[in-house]
Amino acid sequence: ENYTDLTQKCWDYFVFLMRNVTSSELCEWKVISKPYSELQGCLEFYADCLNYSYPNALAEQYIFQSHHRYFHNCTLEHPVYFDPPEDVLLAMIIAPICLIPFLVTLVIWRSKDGKAQA
């Protein structure tokens, strides 16, 4: 059999396993981890058997298809934080760097004034 036929069998088995998962459980990792891991393992196993690279376009298509069909309504409980825009990030980096010479100069100047007054 060729890789296309074998990956279809992986997909069919995944769909079979997912029939036992209720819609309220679709986003619970404890429930879906076994079928999802089976799909991934099956795709990888047959790719290795036929000396195909993994991941490959066909395997990725089945993974994307699983997300689109079963997991498209799942959201993260905790928000994902992203880096700020480059201009904000640059300002946050440069501002403290520019303040350091000013603060060092201020400390040296104040310490010299303190000695002169004493």
Protein backbone atom coordinates (compact mmCIF):
# COMPACT_ATOMS: atom_id res chain seq x y z
CA GLU A 1 0.00 0.00 0.00
CA ASN A 2 1.12 3.56 -0.56
CA TYR A 3 1.40 6.26 2.06
CA THR A 4 -1.84 7.93 1.01
CA ASP A 5 -3.84 4.76 1.65
CA LEU A 6 -2.09 4.12 4.96
CA THR A 7 -2.67 7.65 6.22
CA GLN A 8 -6.34 7.31 5.32
CA LYS A 9 -6.47 4.23 7.57
CA CYS A 10 -4.88 6.30 10.35
CA TRP A 11 -7.56 8.94 9.85
CA ASP A 12 -10.36 6.37 9.81
CA TYR A 13 -9.09 4.91 13.09
CA PHE A 14 -8.89 8.38 14.62
CA VAL A 15 -12.51 9.11 13.59
CA PHE A 16 -13.51 5.75 15.09
CA LEU A 17 -11.83 6.66 18.40
CA MET A 18 -13.37 10.12 18.41
CA ARG A 19 -16.91 8.68 18.14
CA ASN A 20 -16.65 7.84 21.85
CA VAL A 21 -15.87 11.45 22.78
CA THR A 22 -18.85 13.64 23.62
CA SER A 23 -19.01 17.23 22.40
CA SER A 24 -18.52 18.53 25.95
CA GLU A 25 -15.27 16.54 26.22
CA LEU A 26 -13.73 17.66 22.91
CA CYS A 27 -11.52 20.26 24.56
CA GLU A 28 -10.38 18.13 27.50
CA TRP A 29 -6.82 16.98 26.88
CA LYS A 30 -7.17 14.01 29.23
CA VAL A 31 -9.94 12.67 26.98
CA ILE A 32 -8.59 13.48 23.53
CA SER A 33 -4.89 12.87 24.14
CA LYS A 34 -5.11 9.15 23.37
CA PRO A 35 -6.93 9.44 20.00
CA TYR A 36 -4.81 12.44 19.01
CA SER A 37 -1.57 10.66 19.95
CA GLU A 38 -2.74 7.56 18.08
CA LEU A 39 -3.29 9.61 14.94
CA GLN A 40 0.09 11.29 15.21
CA GLY A 41 1.85 8.03 16.03
CA CYS A 42 0.18 6.19 13.16
CA LEU A 43 1.09 8.89 10.63
CA GLU A 44 4.68 8.92 11.88
CA PHE A 45 4.94 5.11 11.95
CA TYR A 46 3.88 4.68 8.33
CA ALA A 47 6.10 7.56 7.22
CA ASP A 48 9.07 5.81 8.87
CA CYS A 49 8.12 2.44 7.33
CA LEU A 50 8.09 3.95 3.85
CA ASN A 51 11.16 6.16 4.46
CA TYR A 52 9.15 9.37 4.19
CA SER A 53 10.08 12.40 6.19
CA TYR A 54 7.87 13.30 9.11
CA PRO A 55 6.15 15.68 9.44
CA ASN A 56 5.15 15.85 5.80
CA ALA A 57 2.43 17.62 3.86
CA LEU A 58 -0.03 14.73 3.94
CA ALA A 59 0.40 14.12 7.67
CA GLU A 60 0.01 17.83 8.38
CA GLN A 61 -3.17 17.83 6.30
CA TYR A 62 -4.69 15.17 8.57
CA ILE A 63 -3.56 16.99 11.72
CA PHE A 64 -5.11 20.24 10.44
CA GLN A 65 -8.23 18.35 9.45
CA SER A 66 -8.54 16.95 12.98
CA HIS A 67 -8.28 20.44 14.45
CA HIS A 68 -10.76 21.87 11.99
CA ARG A 69 -13.28 19.08 12.48
CA TYR A 70 -13.05 18.43 16.22
CA PHE A 71 -11.15 21.15 18.05
CA HIS A 72 -12.04 24.41 16.30
CA ASN A 73 -14.13 25.67 19.24
CA CYS A 74 -11.49 25.01 21.87
CA THR A 75 -9.92 28.07 23.44
CA LEU A 76 -7.21 28.36 26.03
CA GLU A 77 -8.31 28.95 29.60
CA HIS A 78 -5.36 31.25 30.15
CA PRO A 79 -4.69 33.95 27.59
CA VAL A 80 -1.54 33.67 25.54
CA TYR A 81 0.74 36.66 25.95
CA PHE A 82 2.65 37.98 22.98
CA ASP A 83 5.65 40.26 22.75
CA PRO A 84 4.79 43.94 22.49
CA PRO A 85 5.23 45.71 19.16
CA GLU A 86 8.83 46.45 18.21
CA ASP A 87 8.62 50.20 18.88
CA VAL A 88 7.28 49.64 22.40
CA LEU A 89 9.86 46.92 23.06
CA LEU A 90 12.66 49.17 21.81
CA ALA A 91 11.50 52.02 24.09
CA MET A 92 11.36 49.63 27.07
CA ILE A 93 14.93 48.52 26.39
CA ILE A 94 16.48 51.90 25.55
CA ALA A 95 14.88 53.93 28.38
CA PRO A 96 16.71 52.14 31.23
CA ILE A 97 19.95 52.07 29.24
CA CYS A 98 19.79 55.84 28.77
CA LEU A 99 18.97 56.38 32.44
CA ILE A 100 22.03 54.50 33.71
CA PRO A 101 24.68 57.10 32.67
CA PHE A 102 22.47 59.90 34.02
CA LEU A 103 22.05 58.15 37.38
CA VAL A 104 25.77 57.33 37.62
CA THR A 105 26.62 60.98 36.90
CA LEU A 106 24.08 62.14 39.49
CA VAL A 107 25.50 59.82 42.17
CA ILE A 108 29.08 60.93 41.47
CA TRP A 109 28.08 64.62 41.45
CA ARG A 110 26.13 64.30 44.71
CA SER A 111 28.96 62.41 46.40
CA LYS A 112 31.45 65.13 45.42
CA ASP A 113 29.12 67.84 46.78
CA GLY A 114 28.76 65.92 50.03
CA LYS A 115 32.57 65.83 50.52
CA ALA A 116 32.94 69.51 49.70
CA GLN A 117 30.28 70.49 52.27
CA ALA A 118 31.74 68.37 55.04
